[in-house]
Amino acid sequence: MQFFVFGIWCILYAYTPELYPSRARASACGFASFCGRIGALLGPTIIGIIIPMSNSMGPFIFGAVCFTLAAFVVFLYGVETKSSSLEEIST
């Protein structure tokens, strides 16, 4: 599971900057990081609720659902940046 968590951070700091023009890049990356921090705050609380209600697989299933949901959102709303200039992407 930690493998995928580290993968998400790599993608966040490689993909996110390409989506925004230079004038807004730092703010956009900061906001994306902020959203990740909200998840880091809520995660332990939610896991603390899940563990007594499920078996030992509950937290792993919760993590898999969260990763799947994030992948689905990027699939729907993500912008393909391959072979595009920053000016084309930011408009």
C-alpha atoms as a PDB file:
ATOM      1  CA  MET A   1       0.000   0.000   0.000  1.00  0.00           C
ATOM      2  CA  GLN A   2       2.873   2.346   0.789  1.00  0.00           C
ATOM      3  CA  PHE A   3       4.215   1.761  -2.725  1.00  0.00           C
ATOM      4  CA  PHE A   4       1.073   3.355  -4.162  1.00  0.00           C
ATOM      5  CA  VAL A   5       1.160   6.210  -1.664  1.00  0.00           C
ATOM      6  CA  PHE A   6       4.693   7.126  -2.736  1.00  0.00           C
ATOM      7  CA  GLY A   7       3.612   6.783  -6.356  1.00  0.00           C
ATOM      8  CA  ILE A   8       0.865   9.320  -5.801  1.00  0.00           C
ATOM      9  CA  TRP A   9       3.342  11.859  -4.411  1.00  0.00           C
ATOM     10  CA  CYS A  10       5.591  11.396  -7.437  1.00  0.00           C
ATOM     11  CA  ILE A  11       2.667  11.976  -9.761  1.00  0.00           C
ATOM     12  CA  LEU A  12       1.437  14.973  -7.784  1.00  0.00           C
ATOM     13  CA  TYR A  13       4.715  16.845  -8.125  1.00  0.00           C
ATOM     14  CA  ALA A  14       5.337  15.829 -11.746  1.00  0.00           C
ATOM     15  CA  TYR A  15       1.836  16.114 -13.240  1.00  0.00           C
ATOM     16  CA  THR A  16       0.291  19.020 -11.330  1.00  0.00           C
ATOM     17  CA  PRO A  17       2.839  21.703 -12.317  1.00  0.00           C
ATOM     18  CA  GLU A  18       2.221  20.975 -15.999  1.00  0.00           C
ATOM     19  CA  LEU A  19      -1.460  21.869 -15.694  1.00  0.00           C
ATOM     20  CA  TYR A  20      -1.035  25.478 -14.624  1.00  0.00           C
ATOM     21  CA  PRO A  21       0.615  28.530 -16.156  1.00  0.00           C
ATOM     22  CA  SER A  22       3.813  29.729 -14.492  1.00  0.00           C
ATOM     23  CA  ARG A  23       2.066  32.600 -12.704  1.00  0.00           C
ATOM     24  CA  ALA A  24      -0.208  30.196 -10.764  1.00  0.00           C
ATOM     25  CA  ARG A  25       1.967  27.098 -10.530  1.00  0.00           C
ATOM     26  CA  ALA A  26       3.163  27.461  -6.931  1.00  0.00           C
ATOM     27  CA  SER A  27      -0.339  28.207  -5.626  1.00  0.00           C
ATOM     28  CA  ALA A  28      -1.858  25.314  -7.565  1.00  0.00           C
ATOM     29  CA  CYS A  29       0.743  22.822  -6.347  1.00  0.00           C
ATOM     30  CA  GLY A  30       0.322  24.129  -2.805  1.00  0.00           C
ATOM     31  CA  PHE A  31      -3.439  23.646  -3.016  1.00  0.00           C
ATOM     32  CA  ALA A  32      -3.027  20.098  -4.318  1.00  0.00           C
ATOM     33  CA  SER A  33      -0.653  19.351  -1.460  1.00  0.00           C
ATOM     34  CA  PHE A  34      -3.161  20.895   0.975  1.00  0.00           C
ATOM     35  CA  CYS A  35      -5.858  18.520  -0.270  1.00  0.00           C
ATOM     36  CA  GLY A  36      -3.512  15.611   0.396  1.00  0.00           C
ATOM     37  CA  ARG A  37      -2.889  16.881   3.910  1.00  0.00           C
ATOM     38  CA  ILE A  38      -6.631  16.928   4.593  1.00  0.00           C
ATOM     39  CA  GLY A  39      -6.692  13.247   3.695  1.00  0.00           C
ATOM     40  CA  ALA A  40      -3.746  12.666   6.033  1.00  0.00           C
ATOM     41  CA  LEU A  41      -5.730  14.285   8.840  1.00  0.00           C
ATOM     42  CA  LEU A  42      -8.948  12.401   8.175  1.00  0.00           C
ATOM     43  CA  GLY A  43      -7.379   9.023   7.389  1.00  0.00           C
ATOM     44  CA  PRO A  44      -6.402   7.946  10.914  1.00  0.00           C
ATOM     45  CA  THR A  45      -9.789   8.971  12.269  1.00  0.00           C
ATOM     46  CA  ILE A  46     -11.653   7.047   9.590  1.00  0.00           C
ATOM     47  CA  ILE A  47      -9.404   4.000  10.049  1.00  0.00           C
ATOM     48  CA  GLY A  48     -10.085   4.182  13.797  1.00  0.00           C
ATOM     49  CA  ILE A  49     -13.787   3.942  13.023  1.00  0.00           C
ATOM     50  CA  ILE A  50     -13.389   1.177  10.421  1.00  0.00           C
ATOM     51  CA  ILE A  51     -11.236  -1.219  12.492  1.00  0.00           C
ATOM     52  CA  PRO A  52     -13.839  -2.038  15.173  1.00  0.00           C
ATOM     53  CA  MET A  53     -16.565  -2.401  12.534  1.00  0.00           C
ATOM     54  CA  SER A  54     -14.694  -4.768  10.194  1.00  0.00           C
ATOM     55  CA  ASN A  55     -12.078  -7.469  10.049  1.00  0.00           C
ATOM     56  CA  SER A  56      -8.376  -6.827   9.553  1.00  0.00           C
ATOM     57  CA  MET A  57      -8.890  -6.234   5.832  1.00  0.00           C
ATOM     58  CA  GLY A  58     -11.152  -3.207   6.387  1.00  0.00           C
ATOM     59  CA  PRO A  59      -8.409  -0.554   6.357  1.00  0.00           C
ATOM     60  CA  PHE A  60      -6.825  -2.064   3.230  1.00  0.00           C
ATOM     61  CA  ILE A  61     -10.162  -2.154   1.439  1.00  0.00           C
ATOM     62  CA  PHE A  62     -10.742   1.471   2.458  1.00  0.00           C
ATOM     63  CA  GLY A  63      -7.327   2.404   1.030  1.00  0.00           C
ATOM     64  CA  ALA A  64      -8.036   0.548  -2.200  1.00  0.00           C
ATOM     65  CA  VAL A  65     -11.393   2.308  -2.558  1.00  0.00           C
ATOM     66  CA  CYS A  66      -9.739   5.703  -2.016  1.00  0.00           C
ATOM     67  CA  PHE A  67      -7.028   4.964  -4.604  1.00  0.00           C
ATOM     68  CA  THR A  68      -9.623   3.733  -7.080  1.00  0.00           C
ATOM     69  CA  LEU A  69     -11.780   6.818  -6.549  1.00  0.00           C
ATOM     70  CA  ALA A  70      -8.772   9.109  -7.079  1.00  0.00           C
ATOM     71  CA  ALA A  71      -7.805   7.251 -10.266  1.00  0.00           C
ATOM     72  CA  PHE A  72     -11.379   7.522 -11.538  1.00  0.00           C
ATOM     73  CA  VAL A  73     -11.461  11.293 -10.917  1.00  0.00           C
ATOM     74  CA  VAL A  74      -8.154  11.770 -12.756  1.00  0.00           C
ATOM     75  CA  PHE A  75      -9.412   9.559 -15.582  1.00  0.00           C
ATOM     76  CA  LEU A  76     -12.544  11.710 -15.947  1.00  0.00           C
ATOM     77  CA  TYR A  77     -11.099  15.172 -15.397  1.00  0.00           C
ATOM     78  CA  GLY A  78      -7.360  14.788 -15.988  1.00  0.00           C
ATOM     79  CA  VAL A  79      -5.705  16.608 -18.862  1.00  0.00           C
ATOM     80  CA  GLU A  80      -3.327  14.752 -21.178  1.00  0.00           C
ATOM     81  CA  THR A  81      -0.083  16.731 -21.214  1.00  0.00           C
ATOM     82  CA  LYS A  82       1.976  14.499 -23.492  1.00  0.00           C
ATOM     83  CA  SER A  83       3.476  16.360 -26.486  1.00  0.00           C
ATOM     84  CA  SER A  84       1.831  19.637 -25.460  1.00  0.00           C
ATOM     85  CA  SER A  85       3.445  22.954 -24.643  1.00  0.00           C
ATOM     86  CA  LEU A  86       2.704  24.677 -21.359  1.00  0.00           C
ATOM     87  CA  GLU A  87       0.887  27.456 -23.218  1.00  0.00           C
ATOM     88  CA  GLU A  88      -1.524  24.951 -24.818  1.00  0.00           C
ATOM     89  CA  ILE A  89      -2.254  23.210 -21.538  1.00  0.00           C
ATOM     90  CA  SER A  90      -2.860  26.354 -19.500  1.00  0.00           C
ATOM     91  CA  THR A  91      -5.560  27.764 -21.765  1.00  0.00           C
END
